[in-house]
Amino acid sequence: MSDRSFKDAYGVLQRHAETLRNQREPNIDELLGIVNESIEAYKVCRTRIEAVEKALEQALGEAGLGGDTAER
């Protein structure tokens, strides 16, 4: 799943959340697959978010806009 984009991985999480919300009775036979795929999708999302945060911090730092914005 690491080749997936953030959008694809987030879509997986949304789809699985919707599936679980709409079940009247849990389908235990599918649960492990849903959980494993959701974990992988979460990792993709987390990695992409961390990369964007780091890039933003670097860009803002280079522009002289870094630091704690709460102090401003």
PDB file of N, CA and C in Angstrom:
ATOM      1  N   MET A   1       0.808  -1.192   0.000  1.00  0.00           N
ATOM      2  CA  MET A   1       0.000   0.000   0.000  1.00  0.00           C
ATOM      3  C   MET A   1       0.850   1.255   0.000  1.00  0.00           C
ATOM      4  N   SER A   2       2.131   1.176   0.259  1.00  0.00           N
ATOM      5  CA  SER A   2       2.981   2.360   0.353  1.00  0.00           C
ATOM      6  C   SER A   2       3.053   3.129  -0.962  1.00  0.00           C
ATOM      7  N   ASP A   3       2.634   2.519  -2.077  1.00  0.00           N
ATOM      8  CA  ASP A   3       2.613   3.211  -3.357  1.00  0.00           C
ATOM      9  C   ASP A   3       1.361   4.071  -3.509  1.00  0.00           C
ATOM     10  N   ARG A   4       0.446   3.958  -2.598  1.00  0.00           N
ATOM     11  CA  ARG A   4      -0.807   4.709  -2.670  1.00  0.00           C
ATOM     12  C   ARG A   4      -0.582   6.164  -2.297  1.00  0.00           C
ATOM     13  N   SER A   5      -1.422   7.006  -2.856  1.00  0.00           N
ATOM     14  CA  SER A   5      -1.393   8.414  -2.498  1.00  0.00           C
ATOM     15  C   SER A   5      -2.157   8.617  -1.196  1.00  0.00           C
ATOM     16  N   PHE A   6      -2.002   9.786  -0.629  1.00  0.00           N
ATOM     17  CA  PHE A   6      -2.748  10.128   0.571  1.00  0.00           C
ATOM     18  C   PHE A   6      -4.246  10.005   0.293  1.00  0.00           C
ATOM     19  N   LYS A   7      -4.662  10.539  -0.843  1.00  0.00           N
ATOM     20  CA  LYS A   7      -6.085  10.533  -1.194  1.00  0.00           C
ATOM     21  C   LYS A   7      -6.636   9.110  -1.265  1.00  0.00           C
ATOM     22  N   ASP A   8      -5.887   8.200  -1.878  1.00  0.00           N
ATOM     23  CA  ASP A   8      -6.322   6.804  -1.971  1.00  0.00           C
ATOM     24  C   ASP A   8      -6.401   6.162  -0.587  1.00  0.00           C
ATOM     25  N   ALA A   9      -5.363   6.373   0.217  1.00  0.00           N
ATOM     26  CA  ALA A   9      -5.317   5.770   1.548  1.00  0.00           C
ATOM     27  C   ALA A   9      -6.424   6.336   2.437  1.00  0.00           C
ATOM     28  N   TYR A  10      -6.651   7.635   2.348  1.00  0.00           N
ATOM     29  CA  TYR A  10      -7.724   8.257   3.130  1.00  0.00           C
ATOM     30  C   TYR A  10      -9.082   7.708   2.694  1.00  0.00           C
ATOM     31  N   GLY A  11      -9.230   7.468   1.405  1.00  0.00           N
ATOM     32  CA  GLY A  11     -10.459   6.868   0.895  1.00  0.00           C
ATOM     33  C   GLY A  11     -10.704   5.485   1.468  1.00  0.00           C
ATOM     34  N   VAL A  12      -9.638   4.715   1.616  1.00  0.00           N
ATOM     35  CA  VAL A  12      -9.754   3.386   2.231  1.00  0.00           C
ATOM     36  C   VAL A  12     -10.271   3.529   3.660  1.00  0.00           C
ATOM     37  N   LEU A  13      -9.691   4.461   4.411  1.00  0.00           N
ATOM     38  CA  LEU A  13     -10.125   4.666   5.798  1.00  0.00           C
ATOM     39  C   LEU A  13     -11.587   5.099   5.863  1.00  0.00           C
ATOM     40  N   GLN A  14     -11.976   6.000   4.988  1.00  0.00           N
ATOM     41  CA  GLN A  14     -13.371   6.444   4.973  1.00  0.00           C
ATOM     42  C   GLN A  14     -14.316   5.300   4.621  1.00  0.00           C
ATOM     43  N   ARG A  15     -13.944   4.522   3.631  1.00  0.00           N
ATOM     44  CA  ARG A  15     -14.785   3.407   3.186  1.00  0.00           C
ATOM     45  C   ARG A  15     -14.951   2.373   4.303  1.00  0.00           C
ATOM     46  N   HIS A  16     -13.857   2.048   4.974  1.00  0.00           N
ATOM     47  CA  HIS A  16     -13.940   1.057   6.049  1.00  0.00           C
ATOM     48  C   HIS A  16     -14.739   1.589   7.239  1.00  0.00           C
ATOM     49  N   ALA A  17     -14.571   2.856   7.548  1.00  0.00           N
ATOM     50  CA  ALA A  17     -15.342   3.442   8.645  1.00  0.00           C
ATOM     51  C   ALA A  17     -16.836   3.385   8.324  1.00  0.00           C
ATOM     52  N   GLU A  18     -17.178   3.720   7.090  1.00  0.00           N
ATOM     53  CA  GLU A  18     -18.575   3.681   6.656  1.00  0.00           C
ATOM     54  C   GLU A  18     -19.125   2.250   6.725  1.00  0.00           C
ATOM     55  N   THR A  19     -18.338   1.296   6.275  1.00  0.00           N
ATOM     56  CA  THR A  19     -18.750  -0.109   6.320  1.00  0.00           C
ATOM     57  C   THR A  19     -19.032  -0.545   7.754  1.00  0.00           C
ATOM     58  N   LEU A  20     -18.127  -0.218   8.648  1.00  0.00           N
ATOM     59  CA  LEU A  20     -18.294  -0.635  10.044  1.00  0.00           C
ATOM     60  C   LEU A  20     -19.468   0.085  10.707  1.00  0.00           C
ATOM     61  N   ARG A  21     -19.662   1.355  10.376  1.00  0.00           N
ATOM     62  CA  ARG A  21     -20.784   2.114  10.939  1.00  0.00           C
ATOM     63  C   ARG A  21     -22.129   1.550  10.493  1.00  0.00           C
ATOM     64  N   ASN A  22     -22.197   1.091   9.264  1.00  0.00           N
ATOM     65  CA  ASN A  22     -23.468   0.660   8.690  1.00  0.00           C
ATOM     66  C   ASN A  22     -23.811  -0.803   8.943  1.00  0.00           C
ATOM     67  N   GLN A  23     -22.934  -1.544   9.554  1.00  0.00           N
ATOM     68  CA  GLN A  23     -23.215  -2.957   9.831  1.00  0.00           C
ATOM     69  C   GLN A  23     -24.187  -3.076  10.996  1.00  0.00           C
ATOM     70  N   ARG A  24     -25.206  -3.860  10.780  1.00  0.00           N
ATOM     71  CA  ARG A  24     -26.128  -4.138  11.887  1.00  0.00           C
ATOM     72  C   ARG A  24     -25.484  -5.144  12.841  1.00  0.00           C
ATOM     73  N   GLU A  25     -24.815  -6.110  12.255  1.00  0.00           N
ATOM     74  CA  GLU A  25     -24.086  -7.117  13.027  1.00  0.00           C
ATOM     75  C   GLU A  25     -22.675  -7.170  12.475  1.00  0.00           C
ATOM     76  N   PRO A  26     -21.684  -7.231  13.343  1.00  0.00           N
ATOM     77  CA  PRO A  26     -20.300  -7.287  12.857  1.00  0.00           C
ATOM     78  C   PRO A  26     -20.050  -8.532  12.012  1.00  0.00           C
ATOM     79  N   ASN A  27     -19.365  -8.345  10.900  1.00  0.00           N
ATOM     80  CA  ASN A  27     -18.979  -9.482  10.068  1.00  0.00           C
ATOM     81  C   ASN A  27     -17.553  -9.859  10.457  1.00  0.00           C
ATOM     82  N   ILE A  28     -17.453 -10.758  11.383  1.00  0.00           N
ATOM     83  CA  ILE A  28     -16.165 -11.139  11.957  1.00  0.00           C
ATOM     84  C   ILE A  28     -15.230 -11.746  10.915  1.00  0.00           C
ATOM     85  N   ASP A  29     -15.794 -12.340   9.870  1.00  0.00           N
ATOM     86  CA  ASP A  29     -14.976 -12.949   8.828  1.00  0.00           C
ATOM     87  C   ASP A  29     -14.218 -11.905   8.021  1.00  0.00           C
ATOM     88  N   GLU A  30     -14.749 -10.699   7.916  1.00  0.00           N
ATOM     89  CA  GLU A  30     -14.090  -9.636   7.162  1.00  0.00           C
ATOM     90  C   GLU A  30     -13.310  -8.672   8.048  1.00  0.00           C
ATOM     91  N   LEU A  31     -13.505  -8.744   9.349  1.00  0.00           N
ATOM     92  CA  LEU A  31     -12.936  -7.756  10.264  1.00  0.00           C
ATOM     93  C   LEU A  31     -11.415  -7.682  10.214  1.00  0.00           C
ATOM     94  N   LEU A  32     -10.747  -8.810  10.229  1.00  0.00           N
ATOM     95  CA  LEU A  32      -9.283  -8.800  10.229  1.00  0.00           C
ATOM     96  C   LEU A  32      -8.734  -8.137   8.967  1.00  0.00           C
ATOM     97  N   GLY A  33      -9.324  -8.412   7.827  1.00  0.00           N
ATOM     98  CA  GLY A  33      -8.894  -7.785   6.587  1.00  0.00           C
ATOM     99  C   GLY A  33      -9.099  -6.287   6.613  1.00  0.00           C
ATOM    100  N   ILE A  34     -10.255  -5.869   7.138  1.00  0.00           N
ATOM    101  CA  ILE A  34     -10.550  -4.433   7.245  1.00  0.00           C
ATOM    102  C   ILE A  34      -9.540  -3.757   8.164  1.00  0.00           C
ATOM    103  N   VAL A  35      -9.260  -4.368   9.298  1.00  0.00           N
ATOM    104  CA  VAL A  35      -8.317  -3.789  10.253  1.00  0.00           C
ATOM    105  C   VAL A  35      -6.920  -3.708   9.643  1.00  0.00           C
ATOM    106  N   ASN A  36      -6.454  -4.771   9.018  1.00  0.00           N
ATOM    107  CA  ASN A  36      -5.106  -4.766   8.431  1.00  0.00           C
ATOM    108  C   ASN A  36      -4.980  -3.731   7.322  1.00  0.00           C
ATOM    109  N   GLU A  37      -5.983  -3.662   6.446  1.00  0.00           N
ATOM    110  CA  GLU A  37      -5.932  -2.681   5.360  1.00  0.00           C
ATOM    111  C   GLU A  37      -6.016  -1.254   5.920  1.00  0.00           C
ATOM    112  N   SER A  38      -6.798  -1.068   6.968  1.00  0.00           N
ATOM    113  CA  SER A  38      -6.916   0.250   7.589  1.00  0.00           C
ATOM    114  C   SER A  38      -5.603   0.681   8.236  1.00  0.00           C
ATOM    115  N   ILE A  39      -4.925  -0.236   8.867  1.00  0.00           N
ATOM    116  CA  ILE A  39      -3.630   0.083   9.486  1.00  0.00           C
ATOM    117  C   ILE A  39      -2.633   0.527   8.430  1.00  0.00           C
ATOM    118  N   GLU A  40      -2.581  -0.188   7.325  1.00  0.00           N
ATOM    119  CA  GLU A  40      -1.661   0.179   6.244  1.00  0.00           C
ATOM    120  C   GLU A  40      -2.028   1.545   5.652  1.00  0.00           C
ATOM    121  N   ALA A  41      -3.322   1.790   5.479  1.00  0.00           N
ATOM    122  CA  ALA A  41      -3.766   3.081   4.948  1.00  0.00           C
ATOM    123  C   ALA A  41      -3.415   4.202   5.921  1.00  0.00           C
ATOM    124  N   TYR A  42      -3.593   3.953   7.212  1.00  0.00           N
ATOM    125  CA  TYR A  42      -3.241   4.942   8.229  1.00  0.00           C
ATOM    126  C   TYR A  42      -1.757   5.280   8.178  1.00  0.00           C
ATOM    127  N   LYS A  43      -0.930   4.274   8.010  1.00  0.00           N
ATOM    128  CA  LYS A  43       0.515   4.506   7.932  1.00  0.00           C
ATOM    129  C   LYS A  43       0.870   5.390   6.740  1.00  0.00           C
ATOM    130  N   VAL A  44       0.219   5.148   5.599  1.00  0.00           N
ATOM    131  CA  VAL A  44       0.455   5.970   4.414  1.00  0.00           C
ATOM    132  C   VAL A  44       0.059   7.413   4.705  1.00  0.00           C
ATOM    133  N   CYS A  45      -1.118   7.599   5.286  1.00  0.00           N
ATOM    134  CA  CYS A  45      -1.590   8.952   5.606  1.00  0.00           C
ATOM    135  C   CYS A  45      -0.653   9.640   6.595  1.00  0.00           C
ATOM    136  N   ARG A  46      -0.273   8.942   7.630  1.00  0.00           N
ATOM    137  CA  ARG A  46       0.602   9.524   8.644  1.00  0.00           C
ATOM    138  C   ARG A  46       1.944   9.925   8.041  1.00  0.00           C
ATOM    139  N   THR A  47       2.517   9.076   7.202  1.00  0.00           N
ATOM    140  CA  THR A  47       3.800   9.368   6.567  1.00  0.00           C
ATOM    141  C   THR A  47       3.702  10.605   5.680  1.00  0.00           C
ATOM    142  N   ARG A  48       2.620  10.691   4.892  1.00  0.00           N
ATOM    143  CA  ARG A  48       2.431  11.845   4.001  1.00  0.00           C
ATOM    144  C   ARG A  48       2.235  13.124   4.803  1.00  0.00           C
ATOM    145  N   ILE A  49       1.449  13.073   5.883  1.00  0.00           N
ATOM    146  CA  ILE A  49       1.219  14.254   6.717  1.00  0.00           C
ATOM    147  C   ILE A  49       2.528  14.712   7.349  1.00  0.00           C
ATOM    148  N   GLU A  50       3.305  13.777   7.873  1.00  0.00           N
ATOM    149  CA  GLU A  50       4.591  14.130   8.481  1.00  0.00           C
ATOM    150  C   GLU A  50       5.538  14.748   7.462  1.00  0.00           C
ATOM    151  N   ALA A  51       5.540  14.241   6.238  1.00  0.00           N
ATOM    152  CA  ALA A  51       6.397  14.790   5.184  1.00  0.00           C
ATOM    153  C   ALA A  51       5.980  16.211   4.823  1.00  0.00           C
ATOM    154  N   VAL A  52       4.687  16.446   4.745  1.00  0.00           N
ATOM    155  CA  VAL A  52       4.191  17.784   4.422  1.00  0.00           C
ATOM    156  C   VAL A  52       4.503  18.751   5.559  1.00  0.00           C
ATOM    157  N   GLU A  53       4.310  18.322   6.801  1.00  0.00           N
ATOM    158  CA  GLU A  53       4.636  19.175   7.944  1.00  0.00           C
ATOM    159  C   GLU A  53       6.108  19.566   7.926  1.00  0.00           C
ATOM    160  N   LYS A  54       6.964  18.605   7.665  1.00  0.00           N
ATOM    161  CA  LYS A  54       8.407  18.866   7.627  1.00  0.00           C
ATOM    162  C   LYS A  54       8.752  19.838   6.502  1.00  0.00           C
ATOM    163  N   ALA A  55       8.164  19.636   5.330  1.00  0.00           N
ATOM    164  CA  ALA A  55       8.423  20.524   4.199  1.00  0.00           C
ATOM    165  C   ALA A  55       7.928  21.940   4.488  1.00  0.00           C
ATOM    166  N   LEU A  56       6.764  22.049   5.125  1.00  0.00           N
ATOM    167  CA  LEU A  56       6.246  23.370   5.479  1.00  0.00           C
ATOM    168  C   LEU A  56       7.132  24.065   6.501  1.00  0.00           C
ATOM    169  N   GLU A  57       7.573  23.341   7.507  1.00  0.00           N
ATOM    170  CA  GLU A  57       8.466  23.913   8.511  1.00  0.00           C
ATOM    171  C   GLU A  57       9.750  24.422   7.864  1.00  0.00           C
ATOM    172  N   GLN A  58      10.286  23.625   6.951  1.00  0.00           N
ATOM    173  CA  GLN A  58      11.512  24.012   6.266  1.00  0.00           C
ATOM    174  C   GLN A  58      11.273  25.252   5.396  1.00  0.00           C
ATOM    175  N   ALA A  59      10.197  25.253   4.640  1.00  0.00           N
ATOM    176  CA  ALA A  59       9.894  26.386   3.764  1.00  0.00           C
ATOM    177  C   ALA A  59       9.655  27.653   4.570  1.00  0.00           C
ATOM    178  N   LEU A  60       8.914  27.542   5.655  1.00  0.00           N
ATOM    179  CA  LEU A  60       8.655  28.708   6.496  1.00  0.00           C
ATOM    180  C   LEU A  60       9.928  29.190   7.184  1.00  0.00           C
ATOM    181  N   GLY A  61      10.775  28.249   7.596  1.00  0.00           N
ATOM    182  CA  GLY A  61      12.050  28.605   8.215  1.00  0.00           C
ATOM    183  C   GLY A  61      12.950  29.351   7.247  1.00  0.00           C
ATOM    184  N   GLU A  62      13.006  28.872   6.020  1.00  0.00           N
ATOM    185  CA  GLU A  62      13.824  29.526   5.003  1.00  0.00           C
ATOM    186  C   GLU A  62      13.285  30.910   4.645  1.00  0.00           C
ATOM    187  N   ALA A  63      11.986  31.105   4.790  1.00  0.00           N
ATOM    188  CA  ALA A  63      11.366  32.398   4.494  1.00  0.00           C
ATOM    189  C   ALA A  63      11.404  33.327   5.710  1.00  0.00           C
ATOM    190  N   GLY A  64      11.982  32.838   6.810  1.00  0.00           N
ATOM    191  CA  GLY A  64      12.060  33.646   8.022  1.00  0.00           C
ATOM    192  C   GLY A  64      10.740  33.722   8.763  1.00  0.00           C
ATOM    193  N   LEU A  65       9.858  32.789   8.480  1.00  0.00           N
ATOM    194  CA  LEU A  65       8.539  32.796   9.113  1.00  0.00           C
ATOM    195  C   LEU A  65       8.368  31.656  10.098  1.00  0.00           C
ATOM    196  N   GLY A  66       9.422  30.935  10.397  1.00  0.00           N
ATOM    197  CA  GLY A  66       9.324  29.784  11.286  1.00  0.00           C
ATOM    198  C   GLY A  66       9.228  30.232  12.729  1.00  0.00           C
ATOM    199  N   GLY A  67       9.178  29.287  13.602  1.00  0.00           N
ATOM    200  CA  GLY A  67       9.093  29.583  15.020  1.00  0.00           C
ATOM    201  C   GLY A  67       7.693  29.389  15.530  1.00  0.00           C
ATOM    202  N   ASP A  68       7.521  29.703  16.799  1.00  0.00           N
ATOM    203  CA  ASP A  68       6.244  29.526  17.447  1.00  0.00           C
ATOM    204  C   ASP A  68       5.325  30.694  17.127  1.00  0.00           C
ATOM    205  N   THR A  69       4.253  30.432  16.423  1.00  0.00           N
ATOM    206  CA  THR A  69       3.336  31.498  16.032  1.00  0.00           C
ATOM    207  C   THR A  69       2.523  31.995  17.212  1.00  0.00           C
ATOM    208  N   ALA A  70       2.469  31.256  18.305  1.00  0.00           N
ATOM    209  CA  ALA A  70       1.726  31.685  19.480  1.00  0.00           C
ATOM    210  C   ALA A  70       2.378  32.903  20.126  1.00  0.00           C
ATOM    211  N   GLU A  71       3.671  33.105  19.906  1.00  0.00           N
ATOM    212  CA  GLU A  71       4.391  34.229  20.488  1.00  0.00           C
ATOM    213  C   GLU A  71       4.130  35.520  19.731  1.00  0.00           C
ATOM    214  N   ARG A  72       3.538  35.417  18.529  1.00  0.00           N
ATOM    215  CA  ARG A  72       3.335  36.613  17.697  1.00  0.00           C
ATOM    216  C   ARG A  72       1.996  37.233  17.928  1.00  0.00           C
TER     217      ARG A  72
END
